[in-house]
Amino acid sequence: MMQTRIESDSVLQAVVAATRAACKLPLPEVIDRGHCFVTDLGFDSMSIARLALELEDRVQQPVLLDDWIASEPDPSALTVGSLCNYVSALG
């Protein structure tokens, strides 16, 4: 149980770091699992492409975000938390 929590925290840290590196806009001081990439963080298609590359660097494996985006019918569901879940399922 504790191992899963550490892995979850590690994925969240990687996603937050990649988010900060990928976005050219000012971001909130604290980024949490509930933040939506589109409405809260101002991501567009170019930012999402940069996010994929930044995530690949941090998790050391290919991260194709098309499946993540397609899995959410509403852009407001593209949250930091849903991305963490997606990345966790990759490994």
PDB file of N, CA and C in Angstrom:
ATOM      1  N   MET A   1       0.831  -1.190   0.000  1.00  0.00           N
ATOM      2  CA  MET A   1       0.000   0.000   0.000  1.00  0.00           C
ATOM      3  C   MET A   1       0.872   1.248   0.000  1.00  0.00           C
ATOM      4  N   MET A   2       1.886   1.286   0.833  1.00  0.00           N
ATOM      5  CA  MET A   2       2.753   2.447   0.901  1.00  0.00           C
ATOM      6  C   MET A   2       3.511   2.648  -0.404  1.00  0.00           C
ATOM      7  N   GLN A   3       3.931   1.549  -1.055  1.00  0.00           N
ATOM      8  CA  GLN A   3       4.653   1.636  -2.318  1.00  0.00           C
ATOM      9  C   GLN A   3       3.814   2.363  -3.376  1.00  0.00           C
ATOM     10  N   THR A   4       2.528   2.049  -3.458  1.00  0.00           N
ATOM     11  CA  THR A   4       1.638   2.689  -4.418  1.00  0.00           C
ATOM     12  C   THR A   4       1.566   4.188  -4.161  1.00  0.00           C
ATOM     13  N   ARG A   5       1.505   4.583  -2.920  1.00  0.00           N
ATOM     14  CA  ARG A   5       1.427   5.998  -2.566  1.00  0.00           C
ATOM     15  C   ARG A   5       2.690   6.733  -3.003  1.00  0.00           C
ATOM     16  N   ILE A   6       3.834   6.122  -2.811  1.00  0.00           N
ATOM     17  CA  ILE A   6       5.093   6.745  -3.227  1.00  0.00           C
ATOM     18  C   ILE A   6       5.117   6.881  -4.743  1.00  0.00           C
ATOM     19  N   GLU A   7       4.696   5.845  -5.463  1.00  0.00           N
ATOM     20  CA  GLU A   7       4.658   5.915  -6.913  1.00  0.00           C
ATOM     21  C   GLU A   7       3.690   6.997  -7.371  1.00  0.00           C
ATOM     22  N   SER A   8       2.556   7.103  -6.713  1.00  0.00           N
ATOM     23  CA  SER A   8       1.560   8.105  -7.061  1.00  0.00           C
ATOM     24  C   SER A   8       2.121   9.514  -6.858  1.00  0.00           C
ATOM     25  N   ASP A   9       2.803   9.736  -5.750  1.00  0.00           N
ATOM     26  CA  ASP A   9       3.419  11.032  -5.490  1.00  0.00           C
ATOM     27  C   ASP A   9       4.497  11.336  -6.527  1.00  0.00           C
ATOM     28  N   SER A  10       5.245  10.330  -6.918  1.00  0.00           N
ATOM     29  CA  SER A  10       6.297  10.492  -7.909  1.00  0.00           C
ATOM     30  C   SER A  10       5.718  10.893  -9.262  1.00  0.00           C
ATOM     31  N   VAL A  11       4.614  10.260  -9.648  1.00  0.00           N
ATOM     32  CA  VAL A  11       3.961  10.600 -10.917  1.00  0.00           C
ATOM     33  C   VAL A  11       3.423  12.028 -10.844  1.00  0.00           C
ATOM     34  N   LEU A  12       2.791  12.394  -9.741  1.00  0.00           N
ATOM     35  CA  LEU A  12       2.272  13.755  -9.593  1.00  0.00           C
ATOM     36  C   LEU A  12       3.404  14.770  -9.710  1.00  0.00           C
ATOM     37  N   GLN A  13       4.522  14.509  -9.065  1.00  0.00           N
ATOM     38  CA  GLN A  13       5.663  15.429  -9.156  1.00  0.00           C
ATOM     39  C   GLN A  13       6.167  15.546 -10.587  1.00  0.00           C
ATOM     40  N   ALA A  14       6.228  14.431 -11.310  1.00  0.00           N
ATOM     41  CA  ALA A  14       6.676  14.445 -12.704  1.00  0.00           C
ATOM     42  C   ALA A  14       5.702  15.226 -13.578  1.00  0.00           C
ATOM     43  N   VAL A  15       4.397  15.020 -13.364  1.00  0.00           N
ATOM     44  CA  VAL A  15       3.390  15.727 -14.160  1.00  0.00           C
ATOM     45  C   VAL A  15       3.436  17.228 -13.878  1.00  0.00           C
ATOM     46  N   VAL A  16       3.563  17.604 -12.618  1.00  0.00           N
ATOM     47  CA  VAL A  16       3.625  19.031 -12.267  1.00  0.00           C
ATOM     48  C   VAL A  16       4.883  19.673 -12.855  1.00  0.00           C
ATOM     49  N   ALA A  17       6.013  19.007 -12.747  1.00  0.00           N
ATOM     50  CA  ALA A  17       7.256  19.549 -13.305  1.00  0.00           C
ATOM     51  C   ALA A  17       7.154  19.691 -14.822  1.00  0.00           C
ATOM     52  N   ALA A  18       6.598  18.686 -15.478  1.00  0.00           N
ATOM     53  CA  ALA A  18       6.429  18.735 -16.933  1.00  0.00           C
ATOM     54  C   ALA A  18       5.449  19.842 -17.318  1.00  0.00           C
ATOM     55  N   THR A  19       4.406  20.021 -16.532  1.00  0.00           N
ATOM     56  CA  THR A  19       3.423  21.073 -16.784  1.00  0.00           C
ATOM     57  C   THR A  19       4.084  22.434 -16.727  1.00  0.00           C
ATOM     58  N   ARG A  20       4.878  22.660 -15.697  1.00  0.00           N
ATOM     59  CA  ARG A  20       5.569  23.948 -15.572  1.00  0.00           C
ATOM     60  C   ARG A  20       6.534  24.181 -16.736  1.00  0.00           C
ATOM     61  N   ALA A  21       7.230  23.146 -17.161  1.00  0.00           N
ATOM     62  CA  ALA A  21       8.200  23.280 -18.251  1.00  0.00           C
ATOM     63  C   ALA A  21       7.511  23.493 -19.596  1.00  0.00           C
ATOM     64  N   ALA A  22       6.326  22.926 -19.776  1.00  0.00           N
ATOM     65  CA  ALA A  22       5.646  22.969 -21.075  1.00  0.00           C
ATOM     66  C   ALA A  22       4.847  24.243 -21.304  1.00  0.00           C
ATOM     67  N   CYS A  23       4.410  24.882 -20.236  1.00  0.00           N
ATOM     68  CA  CYS A  23       3.513  26.025 -20.373  1.00  0.00           C
ATOM     69  C   CYS A  23       4.289  27.334 -20.413  1.00  0.00           C
ATOM     70  N   LYS A  24       3.934  28.177 -21.353  1.00  0.00           N
ATOM     71  CA  LYS A  24       4.581  29.486 -21.487  1.00  0.00           C
ATOM     72  C   LYS A  24       3.843  30.570 -20.703  1.00  0.00           C
ATOM     73  N   LEU A  25       2.660  30.252 -20.188  1.00  0.00           N
ATOM     74  CA  LEU A  25       1.851  31.212 -19.437  1.00  0.00           C
ATOM     75  C   LEU A  25       2.176  31.132 -17.952  1.00  0.00           C
ATOM     76  N   PRO A  26       1.879  32.183 -17.202  1.00  0.00           N
ATOM     77  CA  PRO A  26       2.041  32.091 -15.743  1.00  0.00           C
ATOM     78  C   PRO A  26       1.093  31.032 -15.183  1.00  0.00           C
ATOM     79  N   LEU A  27       1.602  30.233 -14.263  1.00  0.00           N
ATOM     80  CA  LEU A  27       0.811  29.164 -13.653  1.00  0.00           C
ATOM     81  C   LEU A  27       0.615  29.448 -12.170  1.00  0.00           C
ATOM     82  N   PRO A  28      -0.404  28.826 -11.565  1.00  0.00           N
ATOM     83  CA  PRO A  28      -0.590  28.986 -10.120  1.00  0.00           C
ATOM     84  C   PRO A  28       0.640  28.494  -9.366  1.00  0.00           C
ATOM     85  N   GLU A  29       0.853  29.051  -8.196  1.00  0.00           N
ATOM     86  CA  GLU A  29       1.992  28.635  -7.372  1.00  0.00           C
ATOM     87  C   GLU A  29       1.912  27.155  -7.037  1.00  0.00           C
ATOM     88  N   VAL A  30       0.702  26.687  -6.747  1.00  0.00           N
ATOM     89  CA  VAL A  30       0.476  25.275  -6.454  1.00  0.00           C
ATOM     90  C   VAL A  30      -0.418  24.701  -7.549  1.00  0.00           C
ATOM     91  N   ILE A  31       0.056  23.638  -8.171  1.00  0.00           N
ATOM     92  CA  ILE A  31      -0.746  22.918  -9.165  1.00  0.00           C
ATOM     93  C   ILE A  31      -1.190  21.619  -8.514  1.00  0.00           C
ATOM     94  N   ASP A  32      -2.523  21.401  -8.494  1.00  0.00           N
ATOM     95  CA  ASP A  32      -3.019  20.174  -7.864  1.00  0.00           C
ATOM     96  C   ASP A  32      -3.768  19.305  -8.869  1.00  0.00           C
ATOM     97  N   ARG A  33      -4.181  18.151  -8.410  1.00  0.00           N
ATOM     98  CA  ARG A  33      -4.813  17.152  -9.277  1.00  0.00           C
ATOM     99  C   ARG A  33      -6.107  17.649  -9.912  1.00  0.00           C
ATOM    100  N   GLY A  34      -6.752  18.629  -9.324  1.00  0.00           N
ATOM    101  CA  GLY A  34      -8.021  19.129  -9.838  1.00  0.00           C
ATOM    102  C   GLY A  34      -7.903  20.172 -10.936  1.00  0.00           C
ATOM    103  N   HIS A  35      -6.720  20.695 -11.150  1.00  0.00           N
ATOM    104  CA  HIS A  35      -6.559  21.712 -12.191  1.00  0.00           C
ATOM    105  C   HIS A  35      -6.786  21.118 -13.573  1.00  0.00           C
ATOM    106  N   CYS A  36      -7.582  21.824 -14.381  1.00  0.00           N
ATOM    107  CA  CYS A  36      -7.833  21.423 -15.769  1.00  0.00           C
ATOM    108  C   CYS A  36      -6.783  22.082 -16.657  1.00  0.00           C
ATOM    109  N   PHE A  37      -6.196  21.295 -17.546  1.00  0.00           N
ATOM    110  CA  PHE A  37      -5.157  21.835 -18.421  1.00  0.00           C
ATOM    111  C   PHE A  37      -5.682  22.946 -19.313  1.00  0.00           C
ATOM    112  N   VAL A  38      -6.903  22.805 -19.819  1.00  0.00           N
ATOM    113  CA  VAL A  38      -7.435  23.775 -20.778  1.00  0.00           C
ATOM    114  C   VAL A  38      -7.973  25.021 -20.077  1.00  0.00           C
ATOM    115  N   THR A  39      -8.889  24.843 -19.135  1.00  0.00           N
ATOM    116  CA  THR A  39      -9.555  26.000 -18.540  1.00  0.00           C
ATOM    117  C   THR A  39      -8.768  26.656 -17.401  1.00  0.00           C
ATOM    118  N   ASP A  40      -8.065  25.865 -16.609  1.00  0.00           N
ATOM    119  CA  ASP A  40      -7.352  26.436 -15.461  1.00  0.00           C
ATOM    120  C   ASP A  40      -5.918  26.842 -15.784  1.00  0.00           C
ATOM    121  N   LEU A  41      -5.258  26.067 -16.640  1.00  0.00           N
ATOM    122  CA  LEU A  41      -3.830  26.286 -16.881  1.00  0.00           C
ATOM    123  C   LEU A  41      -3.539  26.889 -18.254  1.00  0.00           C
ATOM    124  N   GLY A  42      -4.563  27.046 -19.089  1.00  0.00           N
ATOM    125  CA  GLY A  42      -4.406  27.721 -20.363  1.00  0.00           C
ATOM    126  C   GLY A  42      -3.660  26.946 -21.439  1.00  0.00           C
ATOM    127  N   PHE A  43      -3.683  25.624 -21.369  1.00  0.00           N
ATOM    128  CA  PHE A  43      -2.977  24.818 -22.361  1.00  0.00           C
ATOM    129  C   PHE A  43      -3.731  24.813 -23.685  1.00  0.00           C
ATOM    130  N   ASP A  44      -2.955  24.836 -24.780  1.00  0.00           N
ATOM    131  CA  ASP A  44      -3.495  24.663 -26.118  1.00  0.00           C
ATOM    132  C   ASP A  44      -2.778  23.462 -26.744  1.00  0.00           C
ATOM    133  N   SER A  45      -2.997  23.226 -28.024  1.00  0.00           N
ATOM    134  CA  SER A  45      -2.423  22.032 -28.651  1.00  0.00           C
ATOM    135  C   SER A  45      -0.896  22.046 -28.623  1.00  0.00           C
ATOM    136  N   MET A  46      -0.280  23.202 -28.793  1.00  0.00           N
ATOM    137  CA  MET A  46       1.184  23.272 -28.735  1.00  0.00           C
ATOM    138  C   MET A  46       1.699  22.986 -27.326  1.00  0.00           C
ATOM    139  N   SER A  47       1.016  23.506 -26.335  1.00  0.00           N
ATOM    140  CA  SER A  47       1.413  23.239 -24.944  1.00  0.00           C
ATOM    141  C   SER A  47       1.284  21.754 -24.619  1.00  0.00           C
ATOM    142  N   ILE A  48       0.233  21.123 -25.133  1.00  0.00           N
ATOM    143  CA  ILE A  48       0.037  19.686 -24.897  1.00  0.00           C
ATOM    144  C   ILE A  48       1.164  18.898 -25.555  1.00  0.00           C
ATOM    145  N   ALA A  49       1.574  19.308 -26.758  1.00  0.00           N
ATOM    146  CA  ALA A  49       2.685  18.628 -27.445  1.00  0.00           C
ATOM    147  C   ALA A  49       3.970  18.762 -26.633  1.00  0.00           C
ATOM    148  N   ARG A  50       4.222  19.967 -26.102  1.00  0.00           N
ATOM    149  CA  ARG A  50       5.412  20.163 -25.254  1.00  0.00           C
ATOM    150  C   ARG A  50       5.301  19.339 -23.977  1.00  0.00           C
ATOM    151  N   LEU A  51       4.087  19.246 -23.433  1.00  0.00           N
ATOM    152  CA  LEU A  51       3.855  18.459 -22.218  1.00  0.00           C
ATOM    153  C   LEU A  51       4.230  16.995 -22.450  1.00  0.00           C
ATOM    154  N   ALA A  52       3.845  16.447 -23.585  1.00  0.00           N
ATOM    155  CA  ALA A  52       4.179  15.050 -23.895  1.00  0.00           C
ATOM    156  C   ALA A  52       5.693  14.849 -23.904  1.00  0.00           C
ATOM    157  N   LEU A  53       6.412  15.769 -24.535  1.00  0.00           N
ATOM    158  CA  LEU A  53       7.878  15.651 -24.586  1.00  0.00           C
ATOM    159  C   LEU A  53       8.499  15.787 -23.204  1.00  0.00           C
ATOM    160  N   GLU A  54       8.017  16.735 -22.428  1.00  0.00           N
ATOM    161  CA  GLU A  54       8.536  16.924 -21.064  1.00  0.00           C
ATOM    162  C   GLU A  54       8.263  15.696 -20.194  1.00  0.00           C
ATOM    163  N   LEU A  55       7.076  15.110 -20.348  1.00  0.00           N
ATOM    164  CA  LEU A  55       6.749  13.911 -19.568  1.00  0.00           C
ATOM    165  C   LEU A  55       7.650  12.740 -19.947  1.00  0.00           C
ATOM    166  N   GLU A  56       7.891  12.595 -21.243  1.00  0.00           N
ATOM    167  CA  GLU A  56       8.774  11.511 -21.687  1.00  0.00           C
ATOM    168  C   GLU A  56      10.141  11.621 -21.032  1.00  0.00           C
ATOM    169  N   ASP A  57      10.664  12.834 -20.933  1.00  0.00           N
ATOM    170  CA  ASP A  57      11.962  13.042 -20.283  1.00  0.00           C
ATOM    171  C   ASP A  57      11.921  12.630 -18.812  1.00  0.00           C
ATOM    172  N   ARG A  58      10.808  12.902 -18.166  1.00  0.00           N
ATOM    173  CA  ARG A  58      10.726  12.661 -16.727  1.00  0.00           C
ATOM    174  C   ARG A  58      10.397  11.217 -16.363  1.00  0.00           C
ATOM    175  N   VAL A  59       9.607  10.541 -17.180  1.00  0.00           N
ATOM    176  CA  VAL A  59       9.240   9.156 -16.847  1.00  0.00           C
ATOM    177  C   VAL A  59      10.041   8.141 -17.649  1.00  0.00           C
ATOM    178  N   GLN A  60      10.899   8.625 -18.515  1.00  0.00           N
ATOM    179  CA  GLN A  60      11.823   7.769 -19.276  1.00  0.00           C
ATOM    180  C   GLN A  60      11.116   6.707 -20.117  1.00  0.00           C
ATOM    181  N   GLN A  61      10.001   7.099 -20.733  1.00  0.00           N
ATOM    182  CA  GLN A  61       9.300   6.216 -21.661  1.00  0.00           C
ATOM    183  C   GLN A  61       8.401   7.078 -22.543  1.00  0.00           C
ATOM    184  N   PRO A  62       8.012   6.557 -23.703  1.00  0.00           N
ATOM    185  CA  PRO A  62       7.126   7.329 -24.582  1.00  0.00           C
ATOM    186  C   PRO A  62       5.789   7.618 -23.910  1.00  0.00           C
ATOM    187  N   VAL A  63       5.310   8.833 -24.066  1.00  0.00           N
ATOM    188  CA  VAL A  63       4.010   9.229 -23.523  1.00  0.00           C
ATOM    189  C   VAL A  63       3.231   9.858 -24.673  1.00  0.00           C
ATOM    190  N   LEU A  64       2.297   9.083 -25.228  1.00  0.00           N
ATOM    191  CA  LEU A  64       1.454   9.574 -26.324  1.00  0.00           C
ATOM    192  C   LEU A  64       0.137  10.035 -25.710  1.00  0.00           C
ATOM    193  N   LEU A  65      -0.092  11.332 -25.751  1.00  0.00           N
ATOM    194  CA  LEU A  65      -1.248  11.880 -25.050  1.00  0.00           C
ATOM    195  C   LEU A  65      -2.544  11.808 -25.845  1.00  0.00           C
ATOM    196  N   ASP A  66      -2.496  11.365 -27.095  1.00  0.00           N
ATOM    197  CA  ASP A  66      -3.722  11.255 -27.894  1.00  0.00           C
ATOM    198  C   ASP A  66      -4.746  10.349 -27.224  1.00  0.00           C
ATOM    199  N   ASP A  67      -4.296   9.224 -26.671  1.00  0.00           N
ATOM    200  CA  ASP A  67      -5.220   8.293 -26.008  1.00  0.00           C
ATOM    201  C   ASP A  67      -5.829   8.927 -24.757  1.00  0.00           C
ATOM    202  N   TRP A  68      -5.023   9.672 -24.020  1.00  0.00           N
ATOM    203  CA  TRP A  68      -5.524  10.365 -22.822  1.00  0.00           C
ATOM    204  C   TRP A  68      -6.578  11.386 -23.221  1.00  0.00           C
ATOM    205  N   ILE A  69      -6.289  12.171 -24.233  1.00  0.00           N
ATOM    206  CA  ILE A  69      -7.231  13.199 -24.685  1.00  0.00           C
ATOM    207  C   ILE A  69      -8.515  12.547 -25.195  1.00  0.00           C
ATOM    208  N   ALA A  70      -8.387  11.477 -25.977  1.00  0.00           N
ATOM    209  CA  ALA A  70      -9.554  10.794 -26.532  1.00  0.00           C
ATOM    210  C   ALA A  70     -10.400  10.113 -25.456  1.00  0.00           C
ATOM    211  N   SER A  71      -9.778   9.774 -24.330  1.00  0.00           N
ATOM    212  CA  SER A  71     -10.510   9.077 -23.267  1.00  0.00           C
ATOM    213  C   SER A  71     -11.451   9.997 -22.494  1.00  0.00           C
ATOM    214  N   GLU A  72     -11.283  11.286 -22.654  1.00  0.00           N
ATOM    215  CA  GLU A  72     -12.108  12.251 -21.922  1.00  0.00           C
ATOM    216  C   GLU A  72     -13.023  12.984 -22.902  1.00  0.00           C
ATOM    217  N   PRO A  73     -14.339  12.774 -22.821  1.00  0.00           N
ATOM    218  CA  PRO A  73     -15.257  13.385 -23.778  1.00  0.00           C
ATOM    219  C   PRO A  73     -15.368  14.909 -23.643  1.00  0.00           C
ATOM    220  N   ASP A  74     -15.012  15.432 -22.489  1.00  0.00           N
ATOM    221  CA  ASP A  74     -15.131  16.863 -22.222  1.00  0.00           C
ATOM    222  C   ASP A  74     -13.739  17.411 -21.899  1.00  0.00           C
ATOM    223  N   PRO A  75     -13.302  18.473 -22.597  1.00  0.00           N
ATOM    224  CA  PRO A  75     -11.969  19.029 -22.310  1.00  0.00           C
ATOM    225  C   PRO A  75     -11.767  19.425 -20.845  1.00  0.00           C
ATOM    226  N   SER A  76     -12.847  19.735 -20.137  1.00  0.00           N
ATOM    227  CA  SER A  76     -12.690  20.110 -18.723  1.00  0.00           C
ATOM    228  C   SER A  76     -12.295  18.912 -17.863  1.00  0.00           C
ATOM    229  N   ALA A  77     -12.403  17.699 -18.414  1.00  0.00           N
ATOM    230  CA  ALA A  77     -11.999  16.495 -17.679  1.00  0.00           C
ATOM    231  C   ALA A  77     -10.511  16.205 -17.845  1.00  0.00           C
ATOM    232  N   LEU A  78      -9.827  16.990 -18.674  1.00  0.00           N
ATOM    233  CA  LEU A  78      -8.379  16.801 -18.865  1.00  0.00           C
ATOM    234  C   LEU A  78      -7.652  17.505 -17.724  1.00  0.00           C
ATOM    235  N   THR A  79      -7.636  16.839 -16.581  1.00  0.00           N
ATOM    236  CA  THR A  79      -7.067  17.421 -15.374  1.00  0.00           C
ATOM    237  C   THR A  79      -5.683  16.844 -15.086  1.00  0.00           C
ATOM    238  N   VAL A  80      -4.996  17.488 -14.183  1.00  0.00           N
ATOM    239  CA  VAL A  80      -3.710  16.978 -13.724  1.00  0.00           C
ATOM    240  C   VAL A  80      -3.899  15.572 -13.158  1.00  0.00           C
ATOM    241  N   GLY A  81      -4.964  15.358 -12.406  1.00  0.00           N
ATOM    242  CA  GLY A  81      -5.236  14.045 -11.831  1.00  0.00           C
ATOM    243  C   GLY A  81      -5.494  12.980 -12.879  1.00  0.00           C
ATOM    244  N   SER A  82      -6.252  13.327 -13.926  1.00  0.00           N
ATOM    245  CA  SER A  82      -6.521  12.327 -14.965  1.00  0.00           C
ATOM    246  C   SER A  82      -5.249  11.993 -15.741  1.00  0.00           C
ATOM    247  N   LEU A  83      -4.366  12.981 -15.899  1.00  0.00           N
ATOM    248  CA  LEU A  83      -3.081  12.717 -16.560  1.00  0.00           C
ATOM    249  C   LEU A  83      -2.204  11.838 -15.671  1.00  0.00           C
ATOM    250  N   CYS A  84      -2.213  12.089 -14.385  1.00  0.00           N
ATOM    251  CA  CYS A  84      -1.449  11.235 -13.455  1.00  0.00           C
ATOM    252  C   CYS A  84      -1.929   9.790 -13.554  1.00  0.00           C
ATOM    253  N   ASN A  85      -3.239   9.601 -13.591  1.00  0.00           N
ATOM    254  CA  ASN A  85      -3.796   8.243 -13.704  1.00  0.00           C
ATOM    255  C   ASN A  85      -3.357   7.602 -15.015  1.00  0.00           C
ATOM    256  N   TYR A  86      -3.391   8.360 -16.098  1.00  0.00           N
ATOM    257  CA  TYR A  86      -2.990   7.853 -17.405  1.00  0.00           C
ATOM    258  C   TYR A  86      -1.521   7.449 -17.400  1.00  0.00           C
ATOM    259  N   VAL A  87      -0.658   8.322 -16.879  1.00  0.00           N
ATOM    260  CA  VAL A  87       0.775   8.031 -16.842  1.00  0.00           C
ATOM    261  C   VAL A  87       1.059   6.835 -15.939  1.00  0.00           C
ATOM    262  N   SER A  88       0.375   6.731 -14.825  1.00  0.00           N
ATOM    263  CA  SER A  88       0.563   5.592 -13.919  1.00  0.00           C
ATOM    264  C   SER A  88       0.214   4.283 -14.606  1.00  0.00           C
ATOM    265  N   ALA A  89      -0.809   4.307 -15.443  1.00  0.00           N
ATOM    266  CA  ALA A  89      -1.244   3.088 -16.137  1.00  0.00           C
ATOM    267  C   ALA A  89      -0.264   2.671 -17.221  1.00  0.00           C
ATOM    268  N   LEU A  90       0.581   3.588 -17.689  1.00  0.00           N
ATOM    269  CA  LEU A  90       1.552   3.263 -18.726  1.00  0.00           C
ATOM    270  C   LEU A  90       2.629   2.330 -18.215  1.00  0.00           C
ATOM    271  N   GLY A  91       3.023   2.538 -16.979  1.00  0.00           N
ATOM    272  CA  GLY A  91       4.155   1.791 -16.460  1.00  0.00           C
ATOM    273  C   GLY A  91       3.751   0.615 -15.685  1.00  0.00           C
TER     274      GLY A  91
END
